[in-house]
Amino acid sequence: MQTEALLKIVKDVLEERKAHNMVVLDVRGKTSFTDYMIVVTGTSNRHIKALCDYVEIGVKEKGFNPLGMEGDITSDWVLLDLGDVIVHAMTEQSRGYYQIEKLWSVGGELPQVQAA
């Protein structure tokens, strides 16, 4: 239940902060290091960094402790590790290049959770 609460907080913050094209990937059974990955697109490097900063603040306010963040205001991909939920915030160009959703669908269709 704790994971679902964390997932809801993250989704709510990302929607509030205007993240684009949010996809929630259920990777339980595909990896042991997390349960969900959320992939979002931001409008700029500054926007994707701000998205992750706001998520970090939002989860801390609810008592969750982030494990770490990779990327900064100059990055076109920022990763926020929350343990059971990992956020990938990317520019449109980087998201198209790396195709995270396609990577995790290898070996079969990847279950997606409704973003809203």
Protein backbone atom coordinates (compact mmCIF):
# COMPACT_ATOMS: atom_id res chain seq x y z
CA MET A 1 0.00 0.00 0.00
CA GLN A 2 2.90 2.35 0.69
CA THR A 3 4.11 2.01 -2.90
CA GLU A 4 0.70 2.95 -4.29
CA ALA A 5 0.57 6.01 -2.02
CA LEU A 6 4.02 7.08 -3.25
CA LEU A 7 2.99 6.50 -6.86
CA LYS A 8 -0.12 8.67 -6.41
CA ILE A 9 1.88 11.53 -4.86
CA VAL A 10 4.38 11.47 -7.71
CA LYS A 11 1.70 11.37 -10.40
CA ASP A 12 -0.25 14.21 -8.76
CA VAL A 13 2.83 16.45 -8.52
CA LEU A 14 3.85 15.75 -12.11
CA GLU A 15 0.36 16.53 -13.40
CA GLU A 16 0.19 19.71 -11.32
CA ARG A 17 3.56 20.86 -12.70
CA LYS A 18 2.54 20.25 -16.32
CA ALA A 19 4.60 17.19 -17.18
CA HIS A 20 3.76 15.98 -20.69
CA ASN A 21 3.03 12.49 -22.00
CA MET A 22 3.22 10.71 -18.62
CA VAL A 23 3.58 6.94 -18.84
CA VAL A 24 3.64 4.75 -15.75
CA LEU A 25 5.39 1.42 -16.34
CA ASP A 26 4.71 -1.50 -14.01
CA VAL A 27 8.09 -3.28 -13.94
CA ARG A 28 7.33 -5.68 -11.09
CA GLY A 29 8.52 -9.08 -12.23
CA LYS A 30 10.94 -7.53 -14.75
CA THR A 31 13.39 -6.06 -12.24
CA SER A 32 14.15 -6.29 -8.55
CA PHE A 33 15.23 -2.69 -7.96
CA THR A 34 11.87 -0.91 -8.38
CA ASP A 35 8.17 -1.52 -8.92
CA TYR A 36 7.23 1.41 -11.15
CA MET A 37 8.92 3.75 -13.57
CA ILE A 38 7.31 6.99 -14.57
CA VAL A 39 8.50 8.54 -17.81
CA VAL A 40 7.55 12.15 -18.55
CA THR A 41 8.53 14.79 -21.06
CA GLY A 42 9.34 18.35 -20.09
CA THR A 43 9.40 21.45 -22.24
CA SER A 44 13.04 22.29 -21.48
CA ASN A 45 16.06 21.25 -19.42
CA ARG A 46 14.96 23.67 -16.71
CA HIS A 47 11.43 22.20 -16.72
CA ILE A 48 12.56 18.57 -16.34
CA LYS A 49 14.85 19.51 -13.44
CA ALA A 50 12.04 21.48 -11.80
CA LEU A 51 9.65 18.54 -12.22
CA CYS A 52 11.98 16.27 -10.28
CA ASP A 53 12.70 18.96 -7.67
CA TYR A 54 8.97 19.41 -7.03
CA VAL A 55 8.41 15.65 -6.81
CA GLU A 56 11.27 15.41 -4.32
CA ILE A 57 9.73 18.16 -2.18
CA GLY A 58 6.25 16.62 -2.44
CA VAL A 59 7.29 13.15 -1.33
CA LYS A 60 9.43 14.50 1.51
CA GLU A 61 6.39 16.44 2.79
CA LYS A 62 4.50 13.12 2.94
CA GLY A 63 7.29 11.33 4.82
CA PHE A 64 9.05 9.52 1.97
CA ASN A 65 12.82 9.76 1.59
CA PRO A 66 14.24 9.99 -1.95
CA LEU A 67 17.33 7.87 -2.57
CA GLY A 68 18.94 10.21 -5.07
CA MET A 69 18.74 12.33 -8.17
CA GLU A 70 20.92 12.29 -11.27
CA GLY A 71 21.06 15.23 -13.65
CA ASP A 72 20.96 18.98 -13.27
CA ILE A 73 19.59 22.09 -14.95
CA THR A 74 21.78 21.48 -18.01
CA SER A 75 20.72 17.84 -18.45
CA ASP A 76 18.22 16.58 -20.98
CA TRP A 77 17.38 13.62 -18.73
CA VAL A 78 16.87 13.78 -14.97
CA LEU A 79 16.33 10.61 -12.95
CA LEU A 80 14.77 10.71 -9.48
CA ASP A 81 15.10 7.47 -7.49
CA LEU A 82 12.40 7.04 -4.88
CA GLY A 83 13.02 3.34 -4.32
CA ASP A 84 9.76 1.69 -5.39
CA VAL A 85 9.16 4.45 -7.96
CA ILE A 86 11.72 5.90 -10.36
CA VAL A 87 10.99 9.07 -12.32
CA HIS A 88 12.60 9.67 -15.71
CA ALA A 89 12.03 13.28 -16.80
CA MET A 90 13.34 13.90 -20.29
CA THR A 91 13.30 16.40 -23.09
CA GLU A 92 11.28 15.31 -26.11
CA GLN A 93 14.46 14.74 -28.13
CA SER A 94 16.06 12.52 -25.47
CA ARG A 95 12.88 10.58 -24.88
CA GLY A 96 12.63 9.81 -28.57
CA TYR A 97 16.28 8.79 -28.73
CA TYR A 98 16.40 6.53 -25.65
CA GLN A 99 12.88 5.06 -25.93
CA ILE A 100 12.71 3.91 -22.30
CA GLU A 101 9.20 2.47 -22.72
CA LYS A 102 10.35 0.29 -25.62
CA LEU A 103 13.42 -0.87 -23.69
CA TRP A 104 11.28 -2.17 -20.82
CA SER A 105 8.82 -3.91 -23.13
CA VAL A 106 11.42 -6.41 -24.39
CA GLY A 107 10.14 -9.94 -23.85
CA GLY A 108 6.50 -9.05 -24.05
CA GLU A 109 4.01 -6.29 -23.60
CA LEU A 110 4.74 -4.15 -20.58
CA PRO A 111 1.77 -3.44 -18.32
CA GLN A 112 1.08 0.27 -18.05
CA VAL A 113 -0.78 1.94 -15.24
CA GLN A 114 -3.22 4.73 -16.02
CA ALA A 115 -1.36 8.04 -15.76
CA ALA A 116 -4.33 9.98 -14.41
